[in-house]
Amino acid sequence: YEESYDTLLLSPGAQPIVPPIPGLAEAENVFTLRTIPDTDHIKQFLDQHKPTMAVVVGGGFIGLEMAENLVLHGIQVTVVELLNQVMAPLDYEMAAIVHQHLREHGVRLILEDGVKSFAQQGRQVILQSGMVLETEMVILAIGVRPENTLAVQADLEIGRRGGILVDDFLRTSDEHIY
């Protein structure tokens, strides 16, 4: 429906990055995490299927938080990170401490490798190196991009990285939308 306004405040947030990875569409055990319903779906999968192995793709804040929680559930976790370290904002020396901590808690850490495809309905993760990881569930924690669908529909100016362009007062290209 349509709603009139004098001033509109947009706060759309972000959406998880889900690249077009071959085999992803057939996989029912691959999850992203951004919303409470996402959390509910993951918990429901854990309760119903009781997985013993999981792959977390992405070594940022969300990926490592998920790895920690899965380990606490007694699940064998492999973290796959395309960069040479987890937690990209950290200096490598600090990230090395995180690497050690992850390994001490039984997390298998694969660095400088990415996901090439999924096979066996998501039960196999094939990495760019050719390594094949057997798994029962996958968490994609690759990152986020701006959720700009409504802004695009409203013909607001969008930046080159997808964010809504604003001025110093957070006003968009429409003076009545912030």
N, C-alpha and C. Protein backbone atom coordinates (compact mmCIF):
# COMPACT_ATOMS: atom_id res chain seq x y z
N TYR A 1 0.84 -1.17 0.00
CA TYR A 1 0.00 0.00 0.00
C TYR A 1 0.88 1.23 0.00
N GLU A 2 0.30 2.37 -0.25
CA GLU A 2 1.05 3.62 -0.25
C GLU A 2 0.78 4.37 1.03
N GLU A 3 1.81 5.06 1.49
CA GLU A 3 1.72 5.85 2.72
C GLU A 3 2.30 7.22 2.42
N SER A 4 1.61 8.26 2.82
CA SER A 4 2.14 9.61 2.61
C SER A 4 3.03 9.99 3.78
N TYR A 5 3.91 10.97 3.56
CA TYR A 5 4.81 11.41 4.62
C TYR A 5 5.27 12.84 4.33
N ASP A 6 5.69 13.51 5.40
CA ASP A 6 6.35 14.81 5.25
C ASP A 6 7.85 14.59 5.20
N THR A 7 8.33 13.73 6.10
CA THR A 7 9.74 13.38 6.17
C THR A 7 9.82 11.88 6.40
N LEU A 8 10.74 11.24 5.70
CA LEU A 8 10.89 9.80 5.82
C LEU A 8 12.31 9.47 6.26
N LEU A 9 12.44 8.58 7.20
CA LEU A 9 13.75 8.12 7.67
C LEU A 9 13.93 6.68 7.22
N LEU A 10 14.96 6.44 6.40
CA LEU A 10 15.27 5.08 5.95
C LEU A 10 16.36 4.49 6.84
N SER A 11 16.18 3.26 7.22
CA SER A 11 17.18 2.55 7.99
C SER A 11 17.18 1.08 7.55
N PRO A 12 17.55 0.83 6.28
CA PRO A 12 17.39 -0.52 5.73
C PRO A 12 18.45 -1.52 6.13
N GLY A 13 19.59 -1.08 6.64
CA GLY A 13 20.62 -2.02 7.06
C GLY A 13 21.33 -2.67 5.91
N ALA A 14 21.65 -3.94 6.07
CA ALA A 14 22.46 -4.66 5.09
C ALA A 14 21.86 -6.03 4.84
N GLN A 15 22.35 -6.67 3.79
CA GLN A 15 21.93 -8.04 3.50
C GLN A 15 23.18 -8.88 3.31
N PRO A 16 23.11 -10.15 3.68
CA PRO A 16 24.29 -11.01 3.54
C PRO A 16 24.69 -11.18 2.08
N ILE A 17 25.99 -11.24 1.85
CA ILE A 17 26.50 -11.52 0.51
C ILE A 17 26.38 -13.03 0.27
N VAL A 18 25.70 -13.38 -0.80
CA VAL A 18 25.57 -14.79 -1.20
C VAL A 18 25.94 -14.87 -2.68
N PRO A 19 27.21 -15.19 -2.95
CA PRO A 19 27.64 -15.27 -4.35
C PRO A 19 26.94 -16.41 -5.08
N PRO A 20 26.89 -16.34 -6.40
CA PRO A 20 26.26 -17.41 -7.19
C PRO A 20 27.19 -18.62 -7.29
N ILE A 21 27.32 -19.34 -6.20
CA ILE A 21 28.22 -20.49 -6.14
C ILE A 21 27.51 -21.71 -6.74
N PRO A 22 28.13 -22.39 -7.69
CA PRO A 22 27.51 -23.59 -8.26
C PRO A 22 27.14 -24.61 -7.17
N GLY A 23 25.94 -25.15 -7.28
CA GLY A 23 25.46 -26.15 -6.32
C GLY A 23 24.74 -25.56 -5.13
N LEU A 24 24.78 -24.26 -4.97
CA LEU A 24 24.15 -23.62 -3.81
C LEU A 24 22.63 -23.78 -3.83
N ALA A 25 22.03 -23.65 -5.00
CA ALA A 25 20.57 -23.73 -5.10
C ALA A 25 20.02 -25.08 -4.64
N GLU A 26 20.81 -26.13 -4.80
CA GLU A 26 20.35 -27.48 -4.41
C GLU A 26 20.62 -27.79 -2.94
N ALA A 27 21.35 -26.94 -2.26
CA ALA A 27 21.75 -27.20 -0.88
C ALA A 27 20.71 -26.65 0.10
N GLU A 28 20.21 -27.53 0.96
CA GLU A 28 19.22 -27.12 1.97
C GLU A 28 19.86 -26.93 3.34
N ASN A 29 21.17 -27.09 3.41
CA ASN A 29 21.86 -27.01 4.69
C ASN A 29 22.81 -25.81 4.74
N VAL A 30 22.57 -24.82 3.87
CA VAL A 30 23.42 -23.63 3.83
C VAL A 30 22.63 -22.45 4.37
N PHE A 31 23.23 -21.73 5.31
CA PHE A 31 22.54 -20.65 6.00
C PHE A 31 23.35 -19.37 5.98
N THR A 32 22.65 -18.24 6.04
CA THR A 32 23.27 -16.95 6.32
C THR A 32 22.69 -16.49 7.65
N LEU A 33 23.33 -15.50 8.25
CA LEU A 33 22.85 -15.01 9.55
C LEU A 33 22.82 -13.50 9.53
N ARG A 34 21.62 -12.95 9.61
CA ARG A 34 21.45 -11.51 9.72
C ARG A 34 20.27 -11.16 10.62
N THR A 35 19.23 -11.97 10.59
CA THR A 35 17.99 -11.64 11.29
C THR A 35 17.65 -12.71 12.33
N ILE A 36 16.70 -12.39 13.18
CA ILE A 36 16.20 -13.36 14.16
C ILE A 36 15.64 -14.59 13.45
N PRO A 37 14.84 -14.44 12.38
CA PRO A 37 14.38 -15.65 11.67
C PRO A 37 15.54 -16.50 11.14
N ASP A 38 16.66 -15.87 10.72
CA ASP A 38 17.83 -16.64 10.30
C ASP A 38 18.35 -17.49 11.47
N THR A 39 18.42 -16.89 12.64
CA THR A 39 18.86 -17.59 13.84
C THR A 39 17.92 -18.76 14.14
N ASP A 40 16.62 -18.50 14.02
CA ASP A 40 15.63 -19.55 14.27
C ASP A 40 15.80 -20.72 13.30
N HIS A 41 16.07 -20.43 12.02
CA HIS A 41 16.26 -21.50 11.03
C HIS A 41 17.49 -22.34 11.35
N ILE A 42 18.56 -21.67 11.77
CA ILE A 42 19.78 -22.39 12.13
C ILE A 42 19.53 -23.27 13.35
N LYS A 43 18.88 -22.72 14.36
CA LYS A 43 18.59 -23.48 15.58
C LYS A 43 17.67 -24.66 15.27
N GLN A 44 16.68 -24.44 14.44
CA GLN A 44 15.77 -25.53 14.05
C GLN A 44 16.55 -26.65 13.34
N PHE A 45 17.46 -26.27 12.45
CA PHE A 45 18.27 -27.26 11.74
C PHE A 45 19.13 -28.04 12.74
N LEU A 46 19.75 -27.32 13.68
CA LEU A 46 20.58 -27.98 14.70
C LEU A 46 19.75 -28.97 15.52
N ASP A 47 18.57 -28.55 15.93
CA ASP A 47 17.71 -29.41 16.76
C ASP A 47 17.20 -30.62 15.99
N GLN A 48 16.83 -30.44 14.73
CA GLN A 48 16.24 -31.53 13.95
C GLN A 48 17.29 -32.50 13.40
N HIS A 49 18.40 -31.96 12.92
CA HIS A 49 19.37 -32.79 12.21
C HIS A 49 20.59 -33.18 13.04
N LYS A 50 20.82 -32.48 14.14
CA LYS A 50 21.94 -32.75 15.05
C LYS A 50 23.25 -32.98 14.30
N PRO A 51 23.68 -31.99 13.51
CA PRO A 51 24.92 -32.17 12.74
C PRO A 51 26.14 -32.31 13.64
N THR A 52 27.12 -33.02 13.15
CA THR A 52 28.38 -33.19 13.88
C THR A 52 29.52 -32.43 13.21
N MET A 53 29.30 -31.98 11.96
CA MET A 53 30.32 -31.26 11.20
C MET A 53 29.69 -30.03 10.55
N ALA A 54 30.43 -28.92 10.58
CA ALA A 54 29.95 -27.71 9.94
C ALA A 54 31.13 -26.97 9.31
N VAL A 55 30.83 -26.27 8.23
CA VAL A 55 31.81 -25.39 7.59
C VAL A 55 31.27 -23.97 7.70
N VAL A 56 32.12 -23.08 8.19
CA VAL A 56 31.79 -21.66 8.24
C VAL A 56 32.65 -20.99 7.18
N VAL A 57 32.00 -20.33 6.24
CA VAL A 57 32.72 -19.65 5.16
C VAL A 57 32.79 -18.17 5.53
N GLY A 58 33.99 -17.72 5.87
CA GLY A 58 34.20 -16.34 6.26
C GLY A 58 34.71 -16.25 7.68
N GLY A 59 35.81 -15.55 7.86
CA GLY A 59 36.44 -15.44 9.17
C GLY A 59 36.31 -14.07 9.80
N GLY A 60 35.19 -13.40 9.55
CA GLY A 60 34.93 -12.11 10.18
C GLY A 60 34.18 -12.30 11.49
N PHE A 61 33.60 -11.22 11.99
CA PHE A 61 32.91 -11.25 13.28
C PHE A 61 31.81 -12.30 13.32
N ILE A 62 30.93 -12.30 12.33
CA ILE A 62 29.79 -13.22 12.32
C ILE A 62 30.28 -14.66 12.16
N GLY A 63 31.22 -14.89 11.25
CA GLY A 63 31.73 -16.24 11.03
C GLY A 63 32.35 -16.83 12.28
N LEU A 64 33.17 -16.03 12.98
CA LEU A 64 33.82 -16.55 14.18
C LEU A 64 32.83 -16.72 15.33
N GLU A 65 31.85 -15.85 15.41
CA GLU A 65 30.79 -16.00 16.43
C GLU A 65 30.02 -17.30 16.18
N MET A 66 29.72 -17.58 14.92
CA MET A 66 29.02 -18.83 14.59
C MET A 66 29.91 -20.03 14.88
N ALA A 67 31.19 -19.93 14.54
CA ALA A 67 32.11 -21.05 14.82
C ALA A 67 32.14 -21.34 16.31
N GLU A 68 32.23 -20.29 17.12
CA GLU A 68 32.26 -20.48 18.57
C GLU A 68 31.00 -21.18 19.06
N ASN A 69 29.85 -20.71 18.60
CA ASN A 69 28.59 -21.31 19.06
C ASN A 69 28.42 -22.74 18.58
N LEU A 70 28.87 -23.04 17.38
CA LEU A 70 28.78 -24.41 16.89
C LEU A 70 29.70 -25.33 17.69
N VAL A 71 30.90 -24.87 18.00
CA VAL A 71 31.82 -25.66 18.83
C VAL A 71 31.19 -25.92 20.19
N LEU A 72 30.54 -24.93 20.76
CA LEU A 72 29.87 -25.11 22.05
C LEU A 72 28.75 -26.14 21.97
N HIS A 73 28.21 -26.37 20.77
CA HIS A 73 27.20 -27.40 20.55
C HIS A 73 27.84 -28.76 20.27
N GLY A 74 29.16 -28.84 20.37
CA GLY A 74 29.84 -30.12 20.15
C GLY A 74 30.05 -30.46 18.69
N ILE A 75 29.99 -29.46 17.83
CA ILE A 75 30.13 -29.69 16.39
C ILE A 75 31.56 -29.42 15.97
N GLN A 76 32.09 -30.29 15.12
CA GLN A 76 33.42 -30.12 14.55
C GLN A 76 33.32 -29.04 13.47
N VAL A 77 34.07 -27.94 13.64
CA VAL A 77 33.93 -26.78 12.76
C VAL A 77 35.19 -26.56 11.93
N THR A 78 34.98 -26.26 10.65
CA THR A 78 36.05 -25.82 9.76
C THR A 78 35.70 -24.40 9.32
N VAL A 79 36.63 -23.47 9.50
CA VAL A 79 36.45 -22.10 9.02
C VAL A 79 37.29 -21.94 7.76
N VAL A 80 36.65 -21.47 6.69
CA VAL A 80 37.33 -21.23 5.42
C VAL A 80 37.36 -19.72 5.21
N GLU A 81 38.56 -19.18 5.04
CA GLU A 81 38.74 -17.74 4.85
C GLU A 81 39.62 -17.50 3.63
N LEU A 82 39.15 -16.65 2.74
CA LEU A 82 39.87 -16.35 1.50
C LEU A 82 41.16 -15.57 1.76
N LEU A 83 41.17 -14.75 2.79
CA LEU A 83 42.36 -13.97 3.11
C LEU A 83 43.39 -14.83 3.85
N ASN A 84 44.52 -14.25 4.17
CA ASN A 84 45.56 -14.99 4.89
C ASN A 84 45.37 -14.94 6.40
N GLN A 85 44.27 -14.36 6.85
CA GLN A 85 43.98 -14.28 8.28
C GLN A 85 42.48 -14.10 8.50
N VAL A 86 42.02 -14.46 9.68
CA VAL A 86 40.66 -14.13 10.09
C VAL A 86 40.68 -12.70 10.64
N MET A 87 39.50 -12.15 10.84
CA MET A 87 39.37 -10.80 11.42
C MET A 87 40.24 -9.79 10.67
N ALA A 88 39.90 -9.54 9.42
CA ALA A 88 40.69 -8.66 8.55
C ALA A 88 41.05 -7.30 9.16
N PRO A 89 40.20 -6.69 10.01
CA PRO A 89 40.60 -5.39 10.58
C PRO A 89 41.80 -5.46 11.53
N LEU A 90 42.12 -6.64 12.02
CA LEU A 90 43.23 -6.78 12.96
C LEU A 90 44.57 -6.84 12.24
N ASP A 91 45.63 -6.42 12.92
CA ASP A 91 46.98 -6.65 12.42
C ASP A 91 47.20 -8.15 12.37
N TYR A 92 48.07 -8.61 11.48
CA TYR A 92 48.30 -10.04 11.33
C TYR A 92 48.76 -10.66 12.65
N GLU A 93 49.59 -9.95 13.40
CA GLU A 93 50.10 -10.48 14.67
C GLU A 93 48.95 -10.74 15.65
N MET A 94 47.97 -9.85 15.67
CA MET A 94 46.80 -10.04 16.55
C MET A 94 45.93 -11.19 16.02
N ALA A 95 45.76 -11.24 14.70
CA ALA A 95 44.96 -12.31 14.11
C ALA A 95 45.60 -13.67 14.38
N ALA A 96 46.94 -13.73 14.43
CA ALA A 96 47.62 -14.99 14.71
C ALA A 96 47.24 -15.53 16.09
N ILE A 97 46.99 -14.64 17.03
CA ILE A 97 46.54 -15.06 18.36
C ILE A 97 45.14 -15.66 18.25
N VAL A 98 44.29 -15.06 17.43
CA VAL A 98 42.94 -15.60 17.21
C VAL A 98 43.04 -16.97 16.53
N HIS A 99 43.95 -17.11 15.56
CA HIS A 99 44.16 -18.40 14.88
C HIS A 99 44.51 -19.48 15.91
N GLN A 100 45.45 -19.14 16.78
CA GLN A 100 45.87 -20.10 17.79
C GLN A 100 44.70 -20.48 18.71
N HIS A 101 43.93 -19.49 19.12
CA HIS A 101 42.78 -19.74 20.00
C HIS A 101 41.76 -20.65 19.31
N LEU A 102 41.50 -20.39 18.04
CA LEU A 102 40.56 -21.23 17.30
C LEU A 102 41.04 -22.67 17.25
N ARG A 103 42.31 -22.85 16.92
CA ARG A 103 42.87 -24.20 16.82
C ARG A 103 42.87 -24.91 18.17
N GLU A 104 43.15 -24.17 19.25
CA GLU A 104 43.12 -24.76 20.59
C GLU A 104 41.73 -25.27 20.96
N HIS A 105 40.71 -24.70 20.35
CA HIS A 105 39.34 -25.14 20.60
C HIS A 105 38.83 -26.10 19.53
N GLY A 106 39.76 -26.66 18.76
CA GLY A 106 39.40 -27.72 17.82
C GLY A 106 38.89 -27.25 16.47
N VAL A 107 38.95 -25.95 16.21
CA VAL A 107 38.49 -25.44 14.92
C VAL A 107 39.58 -25.67 13.88
N ARG A 108 39.19 -26.27 12.77
CA ARG A 108 40.10 -26.43 11.64
C ARG A 108 40.04 -25.13 10.85
N LEU A 109 41.18 -24.55 10.60
CA LEU A 109 41.26 -23.25 9.94
C LEU A 109 41.93 -23.39 8.58
N ILE A 110 41.21 -23.02 7.53
CA ILE A 110 41.75 -23.06 6.17
C ILE A 110 41.80 -21.63 5.67
N LEU A 111 43.02 -21.13 5.46
CA LEU A 111 43.23 -19.75 5.03
C LEU A 111 43.64 -19.71 3.57
N GLU A 112 43.44 -18.58 2.94
CA GLU A 112 43.82 -18.33 1.55
C GLU A 112 43.21 -19.36 0.60
N ASP A 113 41.96 -19.66 0.83
CA ASP A 113 41.22 -20.58 -0.03
C ASP A 113 39.75 -20.17 0.03
N GLY A 114 39.05 -20.35 -1.04
CA GLY A 114 37.64 -19.97 -1.09
C GLY A 114 36.79 -21.10 -1.63
N VAL A 115 35.48 -20.90 -1.54
CA VAL A 115 34.55 -21.91 -2.01
C VAL A 115 34.39 -21.79 -3.52
N LYS A 116 34.59 -22.91 -4.20
CA LYS A 116 34.40 -22.98 -5.64
C LYS A 116 32.99 -23.46 -5.97
N SER A 117 32.52 -24.49 -5.22
CA SER A 117 31.19 -25.03 -5.48
C SER A 117 30.73 -25.90 -4.31
N PHE A 118 29.46 -26.27 -4.38
CA PHE A 118 28.88 -27.22 -3.44
C PHE A 118 28.46 -28.46 -4.23
N ALA A 119 28.54 -29.63 -3.58
CA ALA A 119 28.10 -30.87 -4.21
C ALA A 119 27.33 -31.69 -3.19
N GLN A 120 26.67 -32.74 -3.65
CA GLN A 120 25.92 -33.64 -2.77
C GLN A 120 24.90 -32.87 -1.91
N GLN A 121 24.14 -31.97 -2.54
CA GLN A 121 23.14 -31.15 -1.86
C GLN A 121 23.72 -30.39 -0.67
N GLY A 122 24.93 -29.89 -0.82
CA GLY A 122 25.57 -29.09 0.23
C GLY A 122 26.36 -29.90 1.24
N ARG A 123 26.45 -31.20 1.06
CA ARG A 123 27.21 -32.03 2.00
C ARG A 123 28.71 -32.05 1.66
N GLN A 124 29.05 -31.49 0.52
CA GLN A 124 30.46 -31.33 0.17
C GLN A 124 30.69 -29.88 -0.25
N VAL A 125 31.77 -29.32 0.29
CA VAL A 125 32.19 -27.97 -0.09
C VAL A 125 33.50 -28.14 -0.84
N ILE A 126 33.50 -27.76 -2.11
CA ILE A 126 34.70 -27.87 -2.92
C ILE A 126 35.38 -26.51 -2.94
N LEU A 127 36.64 -26.50 -2.50
CA LEU A 127 37.38 -25.24 -2.42
C LEU A 127 38.11 -24.96 -3.73
N GLN A 128 38.53 -23.72 -3.90
CA GLN A 128 39.25 -23.32 -5.11
C GLN A 128 40.54 -24.12 -5.28
N SER A 129 41.13 -24.56 -4.18
CA SER A 129 42.35 -25.35 -4.23
C SER A 129 42.10 -26.79 -4.69
N GLY A 130 40.83 -27.19 -4.75
CA GLY A 130 40.49 -28.56 -5.09
C GLY A 130 40.17 -29.42 -3.88
N MET A 131 40.48 -28.91 -2.68
CA MET A 131 40.17 -29.65 -1.45
C MET A 131 38.65 -29.82 -1.33
N VAL A 132 38.21 -30.99 -0.89
CA VAL A 132 36.79 -31.27 -0.69
C VAL A 132 36.54 -31.45 0.80
N LEU A 133 35.62 -30.65 1.33
CA LEU A 133 35.27 -30.73 2.75
C LEU A 133 33.90 -31.40 2.88
N GLU A 134 33.85 -32.46 3.68
CA GLU A 134 32.58 -33.11 3.99
C GLU A 134 31.94 -32.31 5.11
N THR A 135 30.62 -32.11 5.04
CA THR A 135 29.94 -31.32 6.06
C THR A 135 28.47 -31.68 6.12
N GLU A 136 27.86 -31.28 7.21
CA GLU A 136 26.42 -31.47 7.35
C GLU A 136 25.67 -30.16 7.33
N MET A 137 26.41 -29.05 7.53
CA MET A 137 25.79 -27.73 7.42
C MET A 137 26.87 -26.71 7.09
N VAL A 138 26.42 -25.61 6.46
CA VAL A 138 27.33 -24.55 6.05
C VAL A 138 26.74 -23.21 6.48
N ILE A 139 27.58 -22.38 7.05
CA ILE A 139 27.18 -21.01 7.37
C ILE A 139 27.97 -20.10 6.43
N LEU A 140 27.28 -19.32 5.61
CA LEU A 140 27.94 -18.33 4.77
C LEU A 140 28.02 -17.02 5.54
N ALA A 141 29.22 -16.64 5.90
CA ALA A 141 29.45 -15.39 6.65
C ALA A 141 30.50 -14.58 5.90
N ILE A 142 30.25 -14.39 4.63
CA ILE A 142 31.22 -13.76 3.74
C ILE A 142 31.26 -12.25 3.93
N GLY A 143 30.17 -11.69 4.34
CA GLY A 143 30.08 -10.26 4.53
C GLY A 143 28.69 -9.78 4.17
N VAL A 144 28.53 -8.46 4.16
CA VAL A 144 27.24 -7.86 3.86
C VAL A 144 27.40 -6.77 2.82
N ARG A 145 26.29 -6.45 2.20
CA ARG A 145 26.24 -5.30 1.29
C ARG A 145 25.01 -4.48 1.66
N PRO A 146 25.00 -3.20 1.31
CA PRO A 146 23.87 -2.36 1.69
C PRO A 146 22.55 -2.89 1.14
N GLU A 147 21.53 -2.84 1.96
CA GLU A 147 20.17 -3.17 1.52
C GLU A 147 19.59 -1.88 0.96
N ASN A 148 19.54 -1.77 -0.35
CA ASN A 148 19.14 -0.51 -0.96
C ASN A 148 17.92 -0.62 -1.88
N THR A 149 17.19 -1.72 -1.79
CA THR A 149 16.07 -1.98 -2.71
C THR A 149 15.07 -0.83 -2.70
N LEU A 150 14.62 -0.42 -1.52
CA LEU A 150 13.63 0.65 -1.42
C LEU A 150 14.20 1.97 -1.94
N ALA A 151 15.46 2.25 -1.63
CA ALA A 151 16.10 3.48 -2.10
C ALA A 151 16.18 3.51 -3.62
N VAL A 152 16.51 2.39 -4.22
CA VAL A 152 16.57 2.31 -5.68
C VAL A 152 15.18 2.54 -6.27
N GLN A 153 14.16 1.91 -5.67
CA GLN A 153 12.78 2.08 -6.14
C GLN A 153 12.32 3.52 -6.01
N ALA A 154 12.87 4.24 -5.02
CA ALA A 154 12.51 5.65 -4.80
C ALA A 154 13.38 6.59 -5.63
N ASP A 155 14.22 6.03 -6.50
CA ASP A 155 15.12 6.81 -7.36
C ASP A 155 16.08 7.69 -6.58
N LEU A 156 16.52 7.22 -5.41
CA LEU A 156 17.52 7.96 -4.65
C LEU A 156 18.90 7.67 -5.23
N GLU A 157 19.82 8.60 -5.03
CA GLU A 157 21.18 8.40 -5.52
C GLU A 157 21.86 7.32 -4.69
N ILE A 158 22.52 6.42 -5.41
CA ILE A 158 23.23 5.29 -4.78
C ILE A 158 24.71 5.44 -5.10
N GLY A 159 25.56 5.16 -4.12
CA GLY A 159 27.00 5.24 -4.31
C GLY A 159 27.52 4.06 -5.10
N ARG A 160 28.78 4.12 -5.48
CA ARG A 160 29.38 3.07 -6.31
C ARG A 160 29.46 1.73 -5.59
N ARG A 161 29.43 1.73 -4.24
CA ARG A 161 29.46 0.46 -3.50
C ARG A 161 28.07 0.03 -3.04
N GLY A 162 27.04 0.75 -3.51
CA GLY A 162 25.67 0.33 -3.22
C GLY A 162 25.00 1.04 -2.07
N GLY A 163 25.72 1.87 -1.35
CA GLY A 163 25.12 2.59 -0.22
C GLY A 163 24.29 3.78 -0.69
N ILE A 164 23.39 4.21 0.15
CA ILE A 164 22.56 5.37 -0.15
C ILE A 164 23.39 6.63 0.11
N LEU A 165 23.53 7.46 -0.92
CA LEU A 165 24.32 8.68 -0.77
C LEU A 165 23.55 9.70 0.07
N VAL A 166 24.26 10.32 1.02
CA VAL A 166 23.66 11.35 1.87
C VAL A 166 24.61 12.54 1.98
N ASP A 167 24.05 13.69 2.40
CA ASP A 167 24.88 14.87 2.62
C ASP A 167 25.33 14.91 4.09
N ASP A 168 25.90 16.03 4.50
CA ASP A 168 26.40 16.15 5.88
C ASP A 168 25.31 16.06 6.93
N PHE A 169 24.05 16.23 6.51
CA PHE A 169 22.92 16.16 7.44
C PHE A 169 22.15 14.84 7.30
N LEU A 170 22.76 13.88 6.58
CA LEU A 170 22.19 12.55 6.31
C LEU A 170 20.95 12.61 5.43
N ARG A 171 20.81 13.69 4.69
CA ARG A 171 19.70 13.85 3.75
C ARG A 171 20.09 13.17 2.44
N THR A 172 19.17 12.41 1.87
CA THR A 172 19.43 11.74 0.59
C THR A 172 19.24 12.72 -0.54
N SER A 173 19.25 12.23 -1.77
CA SER A 173 19.02 13.09 -2.93
C SER A 173 17.59 13.61 -2.99
N ASP A 174 16.72 13.08 -2.17
CA ASP A 174 15.36 13.63 -1.98
C ASP A 174 15.38 14.36 -0.65
N GLU A 175 15.17 15.66 -0.66
CA GLU A 175 15.31 16.47 0.56
C GLU A 175 14.38 16.06 1.70
N HIS A 176 13.38 15.25 1.42
CA HIS A 176 12.44 14.82 2.46
C HIS A 176 12.72 13.42 2.98
N ILE A 177 13.81 12.81 2.46
CA ILE A 177 14.15 11.46 2.89
C ILE A 177 15.55 11.46 3.50
N TYR A 178 15.65 10.99 4.70
CA TYR A 178 16.92 10.90 5.42
C TYR A 178 17.31 9.45 5.58
